[in-house]
Every structure is written in structure tokens, then in C-alpha cells.
């Protein structure tokens, strides 16, 4: 995938993850794109560990793995910034 495809892919995956796990993350669109791209890498790693495949293109399986990875990143971010 080219850089523009990764940016669009990251924006979509990050936006879906933020929709699934709403909260007070205070993230703009640039951080959402980065969340989605990093989530794609995390999702690919988890997918390979579980034998589910990896992020190879702009398809449903890759998007699902990227969203799962982004949700993991959001959860870690929420735990790291939790005020108690």
C-alpha cells in the first residue's frame, strides 16, 4: 500500500475504533490517523500470533485487524492516562 492509502486506511480504522470505544481521548484527526496506522501494525502482529493473517491490503480482514489493534492502543492509552 502507498502512503496515501495508509493515511486513508489509518483514518478509517482510527475513527471506527474511537466510535466503538468512546471516551475523553481529545484526539484530533491527525492523531486519529496515527492511531489507525499504529493499530494496523499492532493488529497485524496479533493476527499473525493467532494465525488470522495480517494487514496486506485495503480489505475487510485487514480493516478488522487494524480496528482491533487500534482498540488495543486506545485501551492502553486510557489505562496510562487514567486519573484516580
PDB file of N, CA and C in Angstrom:
ATOM      1  N   UNK A   1       0.839  -1.178   0.000  1.00  0.00           N
ATOM      2  CA  UNK A   1       0.000   0.000   0.000  1.00  0.00           C
ATOM      3  C   UNK A   1       0.883   1.240   0.000  1.00  0.00           C
ATOM      4  N   UNK A   2       0.452   2.255  -0.713  1.00  0.00           N
ATOM      5  CA  UNK A   2       1.172   3.510  -0.757  1.00  0.00           C
ATOM      6  C   UNK A   2       0.882   4.364   0.469  1.00  0.00           C
ATOM      7  N   UNK A   3       1.596   5.448   0.594  1.00  0.00           N
ATOM      8  CA  UNK A   3       1.469   6.305   1.766  1.00  0.00           C
ATOM      9  C   UNK A   3       0.073   6.911   1.878  1.00  0.00           C
ATOM     10  N   UNK A   4      -0.509   7.332   0.768  1.00  0.00           N
ATOM     11  CA  UNK A   4      -1.852   7.908   0.804  1.00  0.00           C
ATOM     12  C   UNK A   4      -2.879   6.856   1.223  1.00  0.00           C
ATOM     13  N   UNK A   5      -2.704   5.637   0.760  1.00  0.00           N
ATOM     14  CA  UNK A   5      -3.600   4.553   1.147  1.00  0.00           C
ATOM     15  C   UNK A   5      -3.494   4.275   2.642  1.00  0.00           C
ATOM     16  N   UNK A   6      -2.260   4.300   3.182  1.00  0.00           N
ATOM     17  CA  UNK A   6      -2.075   4.090   4.617  1.00  0.00           C
ATOM     18  C   UNK A   6      -2.737   5.204   5.420  1.00  0.00           C
ATOM     19  N   UNK A   7      -2.669   6.431   4.928  1.00  0.00           N
ATOM     20  CA  UNK A   7      -3.288   7.558   5.632  1.00  0.00           C
ATOM     21  C   UNK A   7      -4.807   7.395   5.662  1.00  0.00           C
ATOM     22  N   UNK A   8      -5.393   7.066   4.528  1.00  0.00           N
ATOM     23  CA  UNK A   8      -6.846   6.878   4.460  1.00  0.00           C
ATOM     24  C   UNK A   8      -7.256   5.668   5.304  1.00  0.00           C
ATOM     25  N   UNK A   9      -6.496   4.586   5.178  1.00  0.00           N
ATOM     26  CA  UNK A   9      -6.748   3.373   5.953  1.00  0.00           C
ATOM     27  C   UNK A   9      -6.672   3.668   7.449  1.00  0.00           C
ATOM     28  N   UNK A  10      -5.656   4.416   7.861  1.00  0.00           N
ATOM     29  CA  UNK A  10      -5.487   4.772   9.261  1.00  0.00           C
ATOM     30  C   UNK A  10      -6.612   5.647   9.775  1.00  0.00           C
ATOM     31  N   UNK A  11      -7.050   6.596   8.963  1.00  0.00           N
ATOM     32  CA  UNK A  11      -8.155   7.476   9.361  1.00  0.00           C
ATOM     33  C   UNK A  11      -9.435   6.670   9.578  1.00  0.00           C
ATOM     34  N   UNK A  12      -9.730   5.764   8.663  1.00  0.00           N
ATOM     35  CA  UNK A  12     -10.946   4.957   8.784  1.00  0.00           C
ATOM     36  C   UNK A  12     -10.860   4.033   9.999  1.00  0.00           C
ATOM     37  N   UNK A  13      -9.739   3.328  10.148  1.00  0.00           N
ATOM     38  CA  UNK A  13      -9.584   2.391  11.275  1.00  0.00           C
ATOM     39  C   UNK A  13      -9.605   3.140  12.607  1.00  0.00           C
ATOM     40  N   UNK A  14      -8.920   4.267  12.697  1.00  0.00           N
ATOM     41  CA  UNK A  14      -8.907   5.046  13.929  1.00  0.00           C
ATOM     42  C   UNK A  14     -10.275   5.593  14.275  1.00  0.00           C
ATOM     43  N   UNK A  15     -11.007   6.065  13.266  1.00  0.00           N
ATOM     44  CA  UNK A  15     -12.348   6.611  13.504  1.00  0.00           C
ATOM     45  C   UNK A  15     -13.304   5.523  13.968  1.00  0.00           C
ATOM     46  N   UNK A  16     -13.216   4.334  13.372  1.00  0.00           N
ATOM     47  CA  UNK A  16     -14.078   3.221  13.795  1.00  0.00           C
ATOM     48  C   UNK A  16     -13.750   2.825  15.233  1.00  0.00           C
ATOM     49  N   UNK A  17     -12.462   2.754  15.557  1.00  0.00           N
ATOM     50  CA  UNK A  17     -12.055   2.380  16.916  1.00  0.00           C
ATOM     51  C   UNK A  17     -12.536   3.409  17.932  1.00  0.00           C
ATOM     52  N   UNK A  18     -12.416   4.689  17.598  1.00  0.00           N
ATOM     53  CA  UNK A  18     -12.891   5.723  18.520  1.00  0.00           C
ATOM     54  C   UNK A  18     -14.410   5.698  18.650  1.00  0.00           C
ATOM     55  N   UNK A  19     -15.114   5.289  17.594  1.00  0.00           N
ATOM     56  CA  UNK A  19     -16.569   5.163  17.651  1.00  0.00           C
ATOM     57  C   UNK A  19     -16.970   3.995  18.556  1.00  0.00           C
ATOM     58  N   UNK A  20     -16.236   2.876  18.446  1.00  0.00           N
ATOM     59  CA  UNK A  20     -16.530   1.694  19.258  1.00  0.00           C
ATOM     60  C   UNK A  20     -16.202   1.949  20.722  1.00  0.00           C
ATOM     61  N   UNK A  21     -15.069   2.611  20.987  1.00  0.00           N
ATOM     62  CA  UNK A  21     -14.638   2.876  22.356  1.00  0.00           C
ATOM     63  C   UNK A  21     -14.628   4.379  22.597  1.00  0.00           C
ATOM     64  N   UNK A  22     -15.812   4.969  22.788  1.00  0.00           N
ATOM     65  CA  UNK A  22     -15.845   6.414  23.009  1.00  0.00           C
ATOM     66  C   UNK A  22     -15.281   6.757  24.383  1.00  0.00           C
ATOM     67  N   UNK A  23     -14.837   7.955  24.487  1.00  0.00           N
ATOM     68  CA  UNK A  23     -14.290   8.420  25.755  1.00  0.00           C
ATOM     69  C   UNK A  23     -13.742   9.814  25.576  1.00  0.00           C
ATOM     70  N   UNK A  24     -13.013  10.256  26.535  1.00  0.00           N
ATOM     71  CA  UNK A  24     -12.455  11.598  26.509  1.00  0.00           C
ATOM     72  C   UNK A  24     -10.986  11.531  26.089  1.00  0.00           C
ATOM     73  N   UNK A  25     -10.725  11.071  24.857  1.00  0.00           N
ATOM     74  CA  UNK A  25      -9.349  10.975  24.381  1.00  0.00           C
ATOM     75  C   UNK A  25      -8.812  12.299  23.875  1.00  0.00           C
ATOM     76  N   UNK A  26      -9.675  13.231  23.514  1.00  0.00           N
ATOM     77  CA  UNK A  26      -9.270  14.534  22.980  1.00  0.00           C
ATOM     78  C   UNK A  26      -8.243  14.399  21.870  1.00  0.00           C
ATOM     79  N   UNK A  27      -8.557  13.598  20.863  1.00  0.00           N
ATOM     80  CA  UNK A  27      -7.656  13.380  19.734  1.00  0.00           C
ATOM     81  C   UNK A  27      -8.210  14.076  18.501  1.00  0.00           C
ATOM     82  N   UNK A  28      -7.353  14.761  17.784  1.00  0.00           N
ATOM     83  CA  UNK A  28      -7.731  15.372  16.522  1.00  0.00           C
ATOM     84  C   UNK A  28      -7.625  14.364  15.390  1.00  0.00           C
ATOM     85  N   UNK A  29      -7.865  14.812  14.192  1.00  0.00           N
ATOM     86  CA  UNK A  29      -7.853  13.900  13.051  1.00  0.00           C
ATOM     87  C   UNK A  29      -6.455  13.362  12.760  1.00  0.00           C
ATOM     88  N   UNK A  30      -5.405  14.141  13.001  1.00  0.00           N
ATOM     89  CA  UNK A  30      -4.037  13.662  12.746  1.00  0.00           C
ATOM     90  C   UNK A  30      -3.677  12.529  13.707  1.00  0.00           C
ATOM     91  N   UNK A  31      -4.007  12.678  14.970  1.00  0.00           N
ATOM     92  CA  UNK A  31      -3.740  11.623  15.949  1.00  0.00           C
ATOM     93  C   UNK A  31      -4.616  10.403  15.658  1.00  0.00           C
ATOM     94  N   UNK A  32      -5.830  10.617  15.144  1.00  0.00           N
ATOM     95  CA  UNK A  32      -6.700   9.506  14.764  1.00  0.00           C
ATOM     96  C   UNK A  32      -6.075   8.704  13.631  1.00  0.00           C
ATOM     97  N   UNK A  33      -5.469   9.390  12.661  1.00  0.00           N
ATOM     98  CA  UNK A  33      -4.783   8.701  11.565  1.00  0.00           C
ATOM     99  C   UNK A  33      -3.610   7.884  12.110  1.00  0.00           C
ATOM    100  N   UNK A  34      -2.834   8.489  12.981  1.00  0.00           N
ATOM    101  CA  UNK A  34      -1.682   7.793  13.563  1.00  0.00           C
ATOM    102  C   UNK A  34      -2.165   6.598  14.387  1.00  0.00           C
ATOM    103  N   UNK A  35      -3.253   6.785  15.138  1.00  0.00           N
ATOM    104  CA  UNK A  35      -3.839   5.689  15.906  1.00  0.00           C
ATOM    105  C   UNK A  35      -4.197   4.528  14.985  1.00  0.00           C
ATOM    106  N   UNK A  36      -4.817   4.812  13.864  1.00  0.00           N
ATOM    107  CA  UNK A  36      -5.217   3.768  12.925  1.00  0.00           C
ATOM    108  C   UNK A  36      -4.031   3.065  12.291  1.00  0.00           C
ATOM    109  N   UNK A  37      -2.985   3.811  11.941  1.00  0.00           N
ATOM    110  CA  UNK A  37      -1.805   3.209  11.328  1.00  0.00           C
ATOM    111  C   UNK A  37      -1.068   2.328  12.340  1.00  0.00           C
ATOM    112  N   UNK A  38      -0.863   2.847  13.544  1.00  0.00           N
ATOM    113  CA  UNK A  38      -0.217   2.048  14.595  1.00  0.00           C
ATOM    114  C   UNK A  38      -1.102   0.852  14.939  1.00  0.00           C
ATOM    115  N   UNK A  39      -2.397   1.073  14.965  1.00  0.00           N
ATOM    116  CA  UNK A  39      -3.333  -0.021  15.210  1.00  0.00           C
ATOM    117  C   UNK A  39      -3.238  -1.110  14.154  1.00  0.00           C
ATOM    118  N   UNK A  40      -2.995  -0.731  12.909  1.00  0.00           N
ATOM    119  CA  UNK A  40      -2.828  -1.720  11.841  1.00  0.00           C
ATOM    120  C   UNK A  40      -1.600  -2.588  12.102  1.00  0.00           C
ATOM    121  N   UNK A  41      -0.520  -1.973  12.561  1.00  0.00           N
ATOM    122  CA  UNK A  41       0.680  -2.746  12.870  1.00  0.00           C
ATOM    123  C   UNK A  41       0.442  -3.670  14.065  1.00  0.00           C
ATOM    124  N   UNK A  42      -0.200  -3.151  15.108  1.00  0.00           N
ATOM    125  CA  UNK A  42      -0.500  -3.976  16.280  1.00  0.00           C
ATOM    126  C   UNK A  42      -1.465  -5.097  15.898  1.00  0.00           C
ATOM    127  N   UNK A  43      -2.485  -4.768  15.127  1.00  0.00           N
ATOM    128  CA  UNK A  43      -3.448  -5.772  14.680  1.00  0.00           C
ATOM    129  C   UNK A  43      -2.808  -6.846  13.823  1.00  0.00           C
ATOM    130  N   UNK A  44      -1.881  -6.458  12.963  1.00  0.00           N
ATOM    131  CA  UNK A  44      -1.170  -7.441  12.136  1.00  0.00           C
ATOM    132  C   UNK A  44      -0.335  -8.366  13.013  1.00  0.00           C
ATOM    133  N   UNK A  45       0.319  -7.807  14.031  1.00  0.00           N
ATOM    134  CA  UNK A  45       1.130  -8.616  14.944  1.00  0.00           C
ATOM    135  C   UNK A  45       0.252  -9.617  15.682  1.00  0.00           C
ATOM    136  N   UNK A  46      -0.871  -9.147  16.235  1.00  0.00           N
ATOM    137  CA  UNK A  46      -1.789 -10.027  16.956  1.00  0.00           C
ATOM    138  C   UNK A  46      -2.396 -11.063  16.002  1.00  0.00           C
ATOM    139  N   UNK A  47      -2.759 -10.628  14.812  1.00  0.00           N
ATOM    140  CA  UNK A  47      -3.321 -11.545  13.823  1.00  0.00           C
ATOM    141  C   UNK A  47      -2.357 -12.648  13.431  1.00  0.00           C
ATOM    142  N   UNK A  48      -1.091 -12.302  13.280  1.00  0.00           N
ATOM    143  CA  UNK A  48      -0.090 -13.317  12.950  1.00  0.00           C
ATOM    144  C   UNK A  48       0.119 -14.278  14.110  1.00  0.00           C
ATOM    145  N   UNK A  49       0.105 -13.771  15.349  1.00  0.00           N
ATOM    146  CA  UNK A  49       0.259 -14.643  16.520  1.00  0.00           C
ATOM    147  C   UNK A  49      -0.889 -15.642  16.625  1.00  0.00           C
ATOM    148  N   UNK A  50      -2.103 -15.196  16.303  1.00  0.00           N
ATOM    149  CA  UNK A  50      -3.284 -16.051  16.401  1.00  0.00           C
ATOM    150  C   UNK A  50      -3.563 -16.836  15.122  1.00  0.00           C
ATOM    151  N   UNK A  51      -2.754 -16.632  14.087  1.00  0.00           N
ATOM    152  CA  UNK A  51      -2.941 -17.344  12.831  1.00  0.00           C
ATOM    153  C   UNK A  51      -4.088 -16.818  11.991  1.00  0.00           C
ATOM    154  N   UNK A  52      -4.455 -15.546  12.191  1.00  0.00           N
ATOM    155  CA  UNK A  52      -5.571 -14.949  11.448  1.00  0.00           C
ATOM    156  C   UNK A  52      -5.135 -14.183  10.213  1.00  0.00           C
ATOM    157  N   UNK A  53      -3.851 -14.088   9.971  1.00  0.00           N
ATOM    158  CA  UNK A  53      -3.351 -13.333   8.839  1.00  0.00           C
ATOM    159  C   UNK A  53      -2.776 -12.007   9.273  1.00  0.00           C
ATOM    160  N   UNK A  54      -2.580 -11.118   8.306  1.00  0.00           N
ATOM    161  CA  UNK A  54      -2.035  -9.804   8.613  1.00  0.00           C
ATOM    162  C   UNK A  54      -2.672  -8.753   7.726  1.00  0.00           C
ATOM    163  N   UNK A  55      -2.212  -7.522   7.866  1.00  0.00           N
ATOM    164  CA  UNK A  55      -2.746  -6.397   7.099  1.00  0.00           C
ATOM    165  C   UNK A  55      -1.999  -6.339   5.770  1.00  0.00           C
ATOM    166  N   UNK A  56      -2.650  -6.824   4.709  1.00  0.00           N
ATOM    167  CA  UNK A  56      -1.983  -6.911   3.418  1.00  0.00           C
ATOM    168  C   UNK A  56      -2.566  -5.988   2.364  1.00  0.00           C
ATOM    169  N   UNK A  57      -3.715  -5.447   2.605  1.00  0.00           N
ATOM    170  CA  UNK A  57      -4.329  -4.573   1.610  1.00  0.00           C
ATOM    171  C   UNK A  57      -5.567  -3.914   2.181  1.00  0.00           C
ATOM    172  N   UNK A  58      -6.251  -3.202   1.331  1.00  0.00           N
ATOM    173  CA  UNK A  58      -7.456  -2.469   1.730  1.00  0.00           C
ATOM    174  C   UNK A  58      -8.651  -3.405   1.577  1.00  0.00           C
ATOM    175  N   UNK A  59      -8.833  -4.317   2.548  1.00  0.00           N
ATOM    176  CA  UNK A  59      -9.950  -5.251   2.509  1.00  0.00           C
ATOM    177  C   UNK A  59     -10.551  -5.380   3.912  1.00  0.00           C
ATOM    178  N   UNK A  60     -11.635  -6.141   4.025  1.00  0.00           N
ATOM    179  CA  UNK A  60     -12.356  -6.235   5.293  1.00  0.00           C
ATOM    180  C   UNK A  60     -11.508  -6.864   6.393  1.00  0.00           C
ATOM    181  N   UNK A  61     -10.795  -7.936   6.085  1.00  0.00           N
ATOM    182  CA  UNK A  61      -9.965  -8.599   7.085  1.00  0.00           C
ATOM    183  C   UNK A  61      -8.877  -7.694   7.622  1.00  0.00           C
ATOM    184  N   UNK A  62      -8.227  -6.968   6.737  1.00  0.00           N
ATOM    185  CA  UNK A  62      -7.185  -6.035   7.157  1.00  0.00           C
ATOM    186  C   UNK A  62      -7.763  -4.912   7.999  1.00  0.00           C
ATOM    187  N   UNK A  63      -8.937  -4.410   7.604  1.00  0.00           N
ATOM    188  CA  UNK A  63      -9.567  -3.334   8.369  1.00  0.00           C
ATOM    189  C   UNK A  63      -9.969  -3.831   9.754  1.00  0.00           C
ATOM    190  N   UNK A  64     -10.488  -5.058   9.837  1.00  0.00           N
ATOM    191  CA  UNK A  64     -10.872  -5.608  11.133  1.00  0.00           C
ATOM    192  C   UNK A  64      -9.659  -5.733  12.051  1.00  0.00           C
ATOM    193  N   UNK A  65      -8.542  -6.228  11.519  1.00  0.00           N
ATOM    194  CA  UNK A  65      -7.326  -6.336  12.325  1.00  0.00           C
ATOM    195  C   UNK A  65      -6.827  -4.962  12.751  1.00  0.00           C
ATOM    196  N   UNK A  66      -6.901  -3.985  11.858  1.00  0.00           N
ATOM    197  CA  UNK A  66      -6.451  -2.635  12.194  1.00  0.00           C
ATOM    198  C   UNK A  66      -7.323  -2.018  13.279  1.00  0.00           C
ATOM    199  N   UNK A  67      -8.625  -2.242  13.218  1.00  0.00           N
ATOM    200  CA  UNK A  67      -9.531  -1.702  14.234  1.00  0.00           C
ATOM    201  C   UNK A  67      -9.270  -2.378  15.576  1.00  0.00           C
ATOM    202  N   UNK A  68      -9.058  -3.691  15.575  1.00  0.00           N
ATOM    203  CA  UNK A  68      -8.741  -4.394  16.824  1.00  0.00           C
ATOM    204  C   UNK A  68      -7.435  -3.853  17.408  1.00  0.00           C
ATOM    205  N   UNK A  69      -6.440  -3.649  16.564  1.00  0.00           N
ATOM    206  CA  UNK A  69      -5.177  -3.082  17.032  1.00  0.00           C
ATOM    207  C   UNK A  69      -5.356  -1.673  17.583  1.00  0.00           C
ATOM    208  N   UNK A  70      -6.165  -0.868  16.922  1.00  0.00           N
ATOM    209  CA  UNK A  70      -6.417   0.499  17.391  1.00  0.00           C
ATOM    210  C   UNK A  70      -7.174   0.485  18.714  1.00  0.00           C
ATOM    211  N   UNK A  71      -8.087  -0.472  18.881  1.00  0.00           N
ATOM    212  CA  UNK A  71      -8.794  -0.602  20.157  1.00  0.00           C
ATOM    213  C   UNK A  71      -7.822  -0.970  21.279  1.00  0.00           C
ATOM    214  N   UNK A  72      -6.863  -1.823  20.988  1.00  0.00           N
ATOM    215  CA  UNK A  72      -5.846  -2.177  21.975  1.00  0.00           C
ATOM    216  C   UNK A  72      -5.043  -0.932  22.360  1.00  0.00           C
ATOM    217  N   UNK A  73      -4.650  -0.146  21.359  1.00  0.00           N
ATOM    218  CA  UNK A  73      -3.895   1.080  21.622  1.00  0.00           C
ATOM    219  C   UNK A  73      -4.728   2.063  22.445  1.00  0.00           C
ATOM    220  N   UNK A  74      -6.014   2.221  22.104  1.00  0.00           N
ATOM    221  CA  UNK A  74      -6.893   3.110  22.869  1.00  0.00           C
ATOM    222  C   UNK A  74      -7.038   2.641  24.312  1.00  0.00           C
ATOM    223  N   UNK A  75      -7.153   1.336  24.522  1.00  0.00           N
ATOM    224  CA  UNK A  75      -7.277   0.802  25.867  1.00  0.00           C
ATOM    225  C   UNK A  75      -6.010   1.084  26.673  1.00  0.00           C
ATOM    226  N   UNK A  76      -4.845   0.848  26.059  1.00  0.00           N
ATOM    227  CA  UNK A  76      -3.568   1.128  26.732  1.00  0.00           C
ATOM    228  C   UNK A  76      -3.462   2.607  27.042  1.00  0.00           C
ATOM    229  N   UNK A  77      -3.845   3.468  26.085  1.00  0.00           N
ATOM    230  CA  UNK A  77      -3.800   4.914  26.298  1.00  0.00           C
ATOM    231  C   UNK A  77      -4.718   5.314  27.448  1.00  0.00           C
ATOM    232  N   UNK A  78      -5.917   4.714  27.497  1.00  0.00           N
ATOM    233  CA  UNK A  78      -6.854   5.010  28.572  1.00  0.00           C
ATOM    234  C   UNK A  78      -6.312   4.600  29.934  1.00  0.00           C
ATOM    235  N   UNK A  79      -5.660   3.452  29.987  1.00  0.00           N
ATOM    236  CA  UNK A  79      -5.072   2.996  31.250  1.00  0.00           C
ATOM    237  C   UNK A  79      -3.905   3.877  31.672  1.00  0.00           C
ATOM    238  N   UNK A  80      -3.122   4.321  30.717  1.00  0.00           N
ATOM    239  CA  UNK A  80      -1.937   5.143  31.030  1.00  0.00           C
ATOM    240  C   UNK A  80      -2.334   6.544  31.487  1.00  0.00           C
ATOM    241  N   UNK A  81      -3.449   7.054  31.008  1.00  0.00           N
ATOM    242  CA  UNK A  81      -3.838   8.421  31.342  1.00  0.00           C
ATOM    243  C   UNK A  81      -4.980   8.486  32.348  1.00  0.00           C
ATOM    244  N   UNK A  82      -5.319   7.342  32.911  1.00  0.00           N
ATOM    245  CA  UNK A  82      -6.424   7.317  33.887  1.00  0.00           C
ATOM    246  C   UNK A  82      -6.044   8.106  35.129  1.00  0.00           C
ATOM    247  N   UNK A  83      -6.939   8.972  35.523  1.00  0.00           N
ATOM    248  CA  UNK A  83      -6.707   9.794  36.722  1.00  0.00           C
ATOM    249  C   UNK A  83      -7.541   9.214  37.849  1.00  0.00           C
ATOM    250  N   UNK A  84      -6.906   8.976  38.953  1.00  0.00           N
ATOM    251  CA  UNK A  84      -7.658   8.348  40.021  1.00  0.00           C
ATOM    252  C   UNK A  84      -7.399   8.889  41.324  1.00  0.00           C
TER     253      UNK A  84
END
